[in-house]
Protein backbone atom coordinates (compact mmCIF):
# COMPACT_ATOMS: atom_id res chain seq x y z
CA MET A 1 -3.58 -21.46 34.24
CA LEU A 2 -4.21 -24.03 31.54
CA ARG A 3 -4.50 -22.69 28.00
CA ILE A 4 -7.07 -24.72 26.05
CA ALA A 5 -8.07 -24.49 22.41
CA GLN A 6 -11.61 -25.62 21.70
CA VAL A 7 -12.04 -26.49 18.03
CA ALA A 8 -15.64 -26.65 16.84
CA PRO A 9 -16.92 -28.23 13.62
CA ASN A 10 -17.69 -25.95 10.69
CA ILE A 11 -21.21 -27.16 9.89
CA PHE A 12 -23.20 -24.77 12.11
CA PRO A 13 -22.37 -21.58 14.05
CA VAL A 14 -21.57 -21.73 17.76
CA PRO A 15 -24.03 -21.84 19.43
CA PRO A 16 -26.46 -23.30 16.89
CA LEU A 17 -29.81 -21.68 16.16
CA ASP A 18 -32.19 -24.65 16.05
CA HIS A 19 -30.01 -27.63 15.20
CA GLY A 20 -26.53 -28.82 16.06
CA GLY A 21 -26.03 -30.56 19.40
CA THR A 22 -22.25 -30.67 18.99
CA GLU A 23 -22.02 -26.91 18.61
CA ARG A 24 -24.21 -26.45 21.69
CA ILE A 25 -21.90 -28.64 23.74
CA VAL A 26 -18.81 -26.79 22.50
CA GLU A 27 -20.35 -23.47 23.55
CA ASP A 28 -21.44 -24.66 26.99
CA LEU A 29 -18.13 -26.39 27.64
CA SER A 30 -16.09 -23.36 26.60
CA VAL A 31 -18.08 -20.95 28.77
CA ALA A 32 -18.01 -23.29 31.77
CA LEU A 33 -14.24 -23.78 31.43
CA ARG A 34 -13.76 -20.02 31.29
CA ASP A 35 -15.84 -19.65 34.44
CA LEU A 36 -13.54 -22.21 36.12
CA GLY A 37 -10.53 -20.02 35.37
CA VAL A 38 -9.28 -21.75 32.22
CA GLU A 39 -7.92 -19.65 29.35
CA VAL A 40 -10.11 -20.75 26.43
CA THR A 41 -9.61 -19.95 22.75
CA LEU A 42 -12.55 -21.02 20.59
CA PHE A 43 -11.99 -21.83 16.94
CA ALA A 44 -15.40 -21.61 15.29
CA PRO A 45 -17.14 -20.30 12.13
CA SER A 46 -17.16 -16.53 11.67
CA ASP A 47 -20.98 -16.35 11.87
CA SER A 48 -20.89 -17.68 15.45
CA ALA A 49 -22.62 -15.54 18.08
CA THR A 50 -20.97 -17.06 21.13
CA GLU A 51 -20.25 -14.96 24.21
CA LEU A 52 -16.58 -15.85 23.72
CA ASN A 53 -14.54 -14.28 20.92
CA PRO A 54 -14.37 -16.95 18.21
CA VAL A 55 -11.34 -17.36 16.00
CA GLY A 56 -12.26 -18.02 12.38
CA ASN A 57 -12.38 -16.19 9.06
CA LEU A 58 -14.88 -18.31 7.16
CA PRO A 59 -18.60 -18.82 7.82
CA SER A 60 -20.29 -22.12 8.59
CA LEU A 61 -21.53 -24.51 5.94
CA HIS A 62 -25.06 -23.63 7.06
CA ALA A 63 -24.45 -19.92 6.40
CA LEU A 64 -22.97 -20.64 2.97
CA GLU A 65 -25.90 -22.86 2.01
CA THR A 66 -28.33 -20.21 3.22
CA ARG A 67 -26.59 -17.58 1.10
CA TYR A 68 -25.82 -19.54 -2.07
CA GLY A 69 -28.25 -22.46 -1.96
CA SER A 70 -26.44 -25.45 -3.35
CA VAL A 71 -22.66 -25.45 -2.73
CA PRO A 72 -19.96 -27.82 -3.99
CA PRO A 73 -19.63 -31.00 -1.88
CA SER A 74 -15.98 -30.12 -1.22
CA ILE A 75 -16.89 -27.02 0.81
CA PRO A 76 -16.74 -28.79 4.24
CA ALA A 77 -13.19 -29.95 3.45
CA VAL A 78 -12.21 -26.41 2.45
CA LEU A 79 -13.62 -24.99 5.68
CA GLU A 80 -11.80 -27.59 7.76
CA ALA A 81 -8.50 -27.03 5.93
CA ALA A 82 -8.69 -23.28 6.52
CA GLN A 83 -9.53 -23.81 10.19
CA MET A 84 -6.63 -26.23 10.64
CA GLU A 85 -4.23 -23.72 9.10
CA GLY A 86 -5.37 -21.09 11.60
CA LEU A 87 -4.91 -23.55 14.45
CA ARG A 88 -1.49 -24.67 13.17
CA ARG A 89 -0.17 -21.12 13.28
CA ARG A 90 -1.09 -20.79 16.96
CA LEU A 91 -0.43 -24.32 18.13
CA SER A 92 2.41 -23.35 20.48
CA GLU A 93 0.04 -21.10 22.46
CA PHE A 94 -1.97 -23.98 23.94
CA ASP A 95 -1.34 -26.62 26.58
CA ILE A 96 -4.14 -28.83 25.22
CA VAL A 97 -6.06 -28.72 21.94
CA HIS A 98 -9.57 -30.15 22.23
CA CYS A 99 -11.09 -31.01 18.84
CA HIS A 100 -14.75 -31.78 18.19
CA GLY A 101 -14.53 -32.24 14.42
CA GLU A 102 -13.81 -35.17 12.18
CA PHE A 103 -10.40 -36.34 10.97
CA MET A 104 -8.01 -33.72 9.59
CA HIS A 105 -6.91 -32.40 12.98
CA ALA A 106 -5.11 -35.67 13.75
CA VAL A 107 -2.76 -35.06 10.81
CA MET A 108 -2.20 -31.38 11.58
CA LEU A 109 -1.39 -32.02 15.25
CA GLY A 110 1.46 -34.37 14.37
CA GLU A 111 3.76 -34.76 17.36
CA ARG A 112 1.35 -32.69 19.47
CA ARG A 113 -1.27 -35.45 19.42
CA PRO A 114 -0.48 -36.54 23.01
CA GLN A 115 -1.26 -32.95 24.06
CA SER A 116 -4.68 -33.07 22.46
CA LEU A 117 -8.11 -34.48 23.15
CA THR A 118 -10.72 -35.52 20.60
CA THR A 119 -14.41 -35.86 21.34
CA ILE A 120 -16.41 -37.73 18.71
CA HIS A 121 -20.07 -36.74 18.79
CA TRP A 122 -21.23 -39.61 16.60
CA ARG A 123 -21.20 -43.39 16.57
CA VAL A 124 -17.75 -45.00 16.52
CA ASP A 125 -18.61 -48.53 15.41
CA GLU A 126 -18.33 -48.08 11.64
CA LEU A 127 -15.46 -48.57 9.21
CA ASP A 128 -14.41 -44.91 9.01
CA ARG A 129 -13.64 -44.77 12.74
CA GLU A 130 -12.01 -48.19 12.73
CA LEU A 131 -9.54 -47.04 10.08
CA PHE A 132 -9.06 -43.67 11.80
CA PHE A 133 -8.22 -45.17 15.18
CA ALA A 134 -5.84 -47.67 13.60
CA ALA A 135 -3.98 -44.87 11.84
CA PHE A 136 -3.67 -42.70 14.97
CA PRO A 137 -3.24 -44.92 18.05
CA ASP A 138 -1.58 -42.01 19.90
CA LEU A 139 -4.64 -39.73 19.61
CA PRO A 140 -6.42 -39.41 23.00
CA VAL A 141 -10.19 -39.71 22.58
CA ALA A 142 -12.82 -38.89 25.21
CA ALA A 143 -16.04 -40.88 24.94
CA ILE A 144 -19.39 -39.23 25.65
CA SER A 145 -20.79 -42.45 27.13
CA ARG A 146 -19.50 -45.80 28.30
CA SER A 147 -21.46 -47.35 25.49
CA GLN A 148 -19.56 -45.27 22.94
CA GLU A 149 -16.25 -45.97 24.68
CA SER A 150 -16.71 -49.70 24.09
CA GLY A 151 -16.10 -49.04 20.40
CA ILE A 152 -12.90 -47.04 20.96
CA PRO A 153 -9.61 -49.00 21.00
CA LEU A 154 -7.83 -49.13 24.35
CA PRO A 155 -4.78 -47.09 23.22
CA ASN A 156 -7.05 -44.16 22.31
CA ARG A 157 -9.25 -44.14 25.41
CA ALA A 158 -8.82 -41.01 27.54
CA GLY A 159 -11.95 -41.23 29.70
CA VAL A 160 -15.73 -40.84 29.60
CA VAL A 161 -17.42 -37.46 29.96
CA HIS A 162 -21.20 -37.29 29.78
CA HIS A 163 -22.60 -34.18 28.17
CA GLY A 164 -23.87 -31.28 30.24
CA ILE A 165 -25.75 -28.09 29.45
CA ALA A 166 -26.02 -24.64 31.01
CA GLU A 167 -27.99 -25.04 34.22
CA GLY A 168 -30.19 -22.00 33.65
CA ARG A 169 -31.14 -22.61 30.02
CA TYR A 170 -34.29 -24.58 30.85
CA ALA A 171 -36.60 -24.27 33.84
CA LEU A 172 -38.74 -26.75 35.71
CA GLY A 173 -42.15 -27.06 34.04
CA ALA A 174 -45.51 -28.34 35.21
CA GLY A 175 -46.03 -30.81 32.38
CA ASP A 176 -49.64 -29.66 32.11
CA GLY A 177 -49.81 -29.26 28.34
CA GLY A 178 -51.73 -32.48 27.84
CA TYR A 179 -49.34 -33.94 25.25
CA LEU A 180 -46.25 -36.07 24.79
CA ALA A 181 -43.16 -34.70 23.05
CA PHE A 182 -40.62 -35.92 20.53
CA VAL A 183 -37.54 -33.81 19.73
CA GLY A 184 -34.92 -34.95 17.23
CA ARG A 185 -33.93 -35.28 13.62
CA MET A 186 -36.62 -36.68 11.36
CA THR A 187 -34.71 -39.83 10.48
CA ASP A 188 -34.76 -43.59 10.90
CA GLN A 189 -32.12 -43.31 13.66
CA LYS A 190 -34.49 -41.31 15.86
CA ARG A 191 -37.79 -42.91 14.72
CA PRO A 192 -40.42 -40.17 15.07
CA ASP A 193 -42.82 -42.58 13.34
CA THR A 194 -42.48 -44.92 16.31
CA ALA A 195 -43.19 -42.03 18.67
CA ILE A 196 -46.42 -41.25 16.79
CA ARG A 197 -47.48 -44.88 16.90
CA VAL A 198 -46.80 -45.23 20.63
CA ALA A 199 -48.62 -41.99 21.47
CA ALA A 200 -51.65 -43.16 19.49
CA ALA A 201 -51.64 -46.54 21.26
CA ALA A 202 -51.58 -44.72 24.60
CA GLY A 203 -54.38 -42.41 23.54
CA ARG A 204 -52.21 -39.33 23.96
CA PRO A 205 -51.57 -36.42 21.55
CA ILE A 206 -47.98 -35.78 20.58
CA ARG A 207 -46.01 -32.79 19.32
CA LEU A 208 -42.90 -33.46 17.27
CA ALA A 209 -40.03 -31.01 16.81
CA GLY A 210 -36.79 -31.20 14.88
CA THR A 211 -35.24 -30.77 11.49
CA VAL A 212 -35.79 -32.96 8.46
CA ASP A 213 -32.52 -34.91 8.18
CA VAL A 214 -30.52 -33.59 5.21
CA GLY A 215 -28.91 -37.01 4.83
CA ASN A 216 -32.27 -38.79 4.63
CA PRO A 217 -34.85 -36.25 3.40
CA ARG A 218 -37.32 -38.81 2.02
CA TYR A 219 -37.86 -40.36 5.44
CA PHE A 220 -40.09 -37.55 6.67
CA ASP A 221 -42.35 -37.56 3.63
CA THR A 222 -42.55 -41.36 3.55
CA TYR A 223 -42.85 -42.36 7.20
CA VAL A 224 -43.85 -39.28 9.19
CA ARG A 225 -45.98 -36.88 7.17
CA PRO A 226 -48.70 -39.46 6.31
CA HIS A 227 -49.32 -40.01 10.04
CA LEU A 228 -49.59 -36.37 11.09
CA SER A 229 -52.98 -35.20 12.32
CA ASP A 230 -54.64 -33.01 14.92
CA GLU A 231 -53.33 -35.50 17.49
CA ALA A 232 -49.80 -35.77 16.02
CA VAL A 233 -48.52 -32.31 15.16
CA TYR A 234 -45.13 -31.49 13.63
CA VAL A 235 -44.00 -28.06 14.88
CA GLY A 236 -40.71 -27.91 12.97
CA PRO A 237 -37.25 -26.96 14.26
CA LEU A 238 -37.17 -25.12 17.58
CA GLY A 239 -34.62 -22.86 19.24
CA ASP A 240 -33.89 -22.91 22.96
CA ARG A 241 -36.99 -20.98 24.00
CA GLY A 242 -39.36 -23.01 21.85
CA LYS A 243 -37.78 -26.27 22.94
CA GLY A 244 -38.02 -25.27 26.58
CA ASP A 245 -41.70 -24.42 26.22
CA LEU A 246 -42.42 -27.70 24.44
CA LEU A 247 -40.58 -29.87 26.97
CA SER A 248 -41.88 -27.99 30.02
CA GLY A 249 -45.46 -28.61 28.98
CA ALA A 250 -44.99 -32.23 27.97
CA GLU A 251 -46.11 -35.13 30.16
CA ALA A 252 -43.10 -37.10 28.92
CA LEU A 253 -40.47 -37.15 26.18
CA LEU A 254 -40.47 -40.16 23.87
CA PHE A 255 -36.98 -41.16 22.71
CA PRO A 256 -37.47 -44.24 20.48
CA VAL A 257 -33.95 -44.41 19.06
CA ASP A 258 -33.06 -47.23 16.71
CA TRP A 259 -29.26 -46.97 16.62
CA PRO A 260 -26.35 -47.08 19.11
CA GLU A 261 -27.09 -43.63 20.53
CA PRO A 262 -23.76 -42.01 21.54
CA PHE A 263 -25.45 -39.77 24.13
CA GLY A 264 -28.82 -38.16 23.31
CA LEU A 265 -28.71 -34.51 24.36
CA VAL A 266 -32.49 -34.00 24.32
CA MET A 267 -32.82 -36.50 27.18
CA ILE A 268 -31.01 -34.17 29.59
CA GLU A 269 -32.78 -31.12 28.15
CA ALA A 270 -36.06 -32.81 29.07
CA MET A 271 -34.74 -33.62 32.56
CA ALA A 272 -33.81 -29.96 33.01
CA CYS A 273 -37.52 -29.20 32.54
CA GLY A 274 -38.48 -31.96 34.97
CA THR A 275 -39.97 -33.98 32.13
CA PRO A 276 -39.76 -37.79 32.36
CA VAL A 277 -37.90 -39.53 29.54
CA ILE A 278 -39.23 -42.76 28.04
CA ALA A 279 -36.29 -44.09 26.05
CA TRP A 280 -35.50 -47.27 24.19
CA ASN A 281 -32.66 -49.40 25.52
CA ARG A 282 -30.03 -48.48 22.92
CA GLY A 283 -26.51 -47.15 23.30
CA SER A 284 -26.14 -44.60 26.10
CA VAL A 285 -29.77 -44.65 27.24
CA PRO A 286 -29.30 -46.81 30.40
CA GLU A 287 -26.46 -44.51 31.49
CA VAL A 288 -28.51 -41.34 31.12
CA VAL A 289 -32.00 -42.36 32.22
CA GLU A 290 -32.37 -43.58 35.80
CA ASP A 291 -35.19 -46.08 35.43
CA GLY A 292 -38.10 -45.19 37.68
CA VAL A 293 -36.51 -41.89 38.74
CA THR A 294 -35.97 -39.67 35.68
CA GLY A 295 -37.98 -41.82 33.32
CA PHE A 296 -38.16 -45.36 32.04
CA VAL A 297 -35.90 -47.51 29.87
CA VAL A 298 -38.02 -49.71 27.60
CA ASN A 299 -37.39 -52.44 25.05
CA CYS A 300 -40.48 -52.26 22.86
CA GLU A 301 -43.54 -50.20 21.99
CA GLU A 302 -45.77 -52.11 24.39
CA GLU A 303 -43.45 -51.29 27.31
CA ALA A 304 -43.39 -47.65 26.20
CA VAL A 305 -47.19 -47.45 26.32
CA GLU A 306 -47.14 -48.84 29.85
CA ALA A 307 -44.41 -46.35 30.83
CA ILE A 308 -46.50 -43.40 29.63
CA ALA A 309 -49.12 -44.16 32.28
CA LYS A 310 -46.45 -44.49 34.99
CA ALA A 311 -44.59 -41.33 33.96
CA ARG A 312 -47.28 -39.09 35.44
CA ARG A 313 -46.44 -40.44 38.89
CA LEU A 314 -42.79 -39.39 38.75
CA ASP A 315 -41.70 -36.32 40.73
CA ARG A 316 -40.78 -33.61 38.24
CA GLY A 317 -38.86 -31.69 40.90
CA ALA A 318 -36.77 -34.78 41.61
CA ILE A 319 -36.05 -35.16 37.90
CA ARG A 320 -34.81 -31.58 37.75
CA HIS A 321 -32.67 -32.25 40.84
CA ARG A 322 -31.05 -35.27 39.16
CA PHE A 323 -30.29 -33.09 36.13
CA GLU A 324 -28.58 -30.55 38.37
CA ALA A 325 -26.54 -33.28 40.03
CA ARG A 326 -25.46 -35.11 36.89
CA PHE A 327 -25.75 -33.10 33.69
CA THR A 328 -24.75 -29.46 34.10
CA ALA A 329 -22.13 -27.78 31.95
CA ARG A 330 -20.02 -27.11 35.04
CA ARG A 331 -19.85 -30.83 35.86
CA MET A 332 -18.91 -31.56 32.24
CA ALA A 333 -16.19 -28.90 32.33
CA GLU A 334 -14.77 -30.25 35.59
CA ASP A 335 -14.59 -33.75 34.11
CA TYR A 336 -12.81 -32.52 31.00
CA LEU A 337 -10.48 -30.38 33.09
CA ALA A 338 -9.36 -33.48 34.97
CA ILE A 339 -8.48 -35.15 31.65
CA TYR A 340 -6.66 -32.05 30.39
CA ARG A 341 -4.53 -31.94 33.52
CA ARG A 342 -3.71 -35.63 33.28
CA LEU A 343 -2.68 -35.31 29.63
CA ALA A 344 -0.58 -32.23 30.36
CA LYS A 345 1.11 -33.97 33.29
CA GLN A 346 1.96 -37.02 31.16
CA VAL A 347 3.60 -34.81 28.57
CA ASP A 348 5.63 -32.97 31.23
CA ARG A 349 7.19 -36.21 32.53
């Protein structure tokens, strides 16, 4: 039996409440691996409410900010250092260490780097990652899309594993709510303002959900709030139940991303509800959306308006079926398990 350490970031608990796609993936992956017979040890913040038993003595950054308000900017580094010390003490217990955080784990792993896997849940085409990869060419990295993998140097590439989520979290919906949906951070990367504009051009109401981006808080007040109305309603952050209700009732999900999207978890959450996805041709989108089957891949606002009319003709049951075939947590766990076994076998030689 393989012994795997899953190391979550320290920003949100595992699973997250209403924000934190990385933490959601870590939870679903860990549970699915356990169900496949893998011995999983989850390193996560102490306020996590996962069904596994998390290892960690300190709470998440989110919990600390909730309790104290403003905290020193060095707190994330402190939380990561403490987590790495806990992992270091138990390093010999694991066949593979799978890290989902930022940078410090590469140093702590040392000679164990070939027996590790890193998943980066963010873009990899900026200077920080370029310097990181150059410093650690022996660190195996799994990409979450082929698009993301193109920015990872060849020595680091360990494979591509698309995200998956628990199959029973969301149910097939009728899409009879009479509105379009947008779910995502309120930021210029996700472009909720574009979603509002496209919905208006199509003559359709829209409901927008998601958190105001802490890294870009003025964006919401400047570009989104002035355009809210009875036809464009912001419902705030939503947990699993609220998100499921929103997506199940939506005619389509608008995903007007304006950056090299590494994956886009909400696209497969919509598919789990049978909801067509109308997504802009950026990053991973063409890999996730099957044009004309689970939604439409568009290049501009005019194409998106045209796709809204066509989306009603798509078979929502078929969309749900494609989700079950491609984007479940079990499939994700099986893909990662194949990489773990390959890495373990290479080390044994």
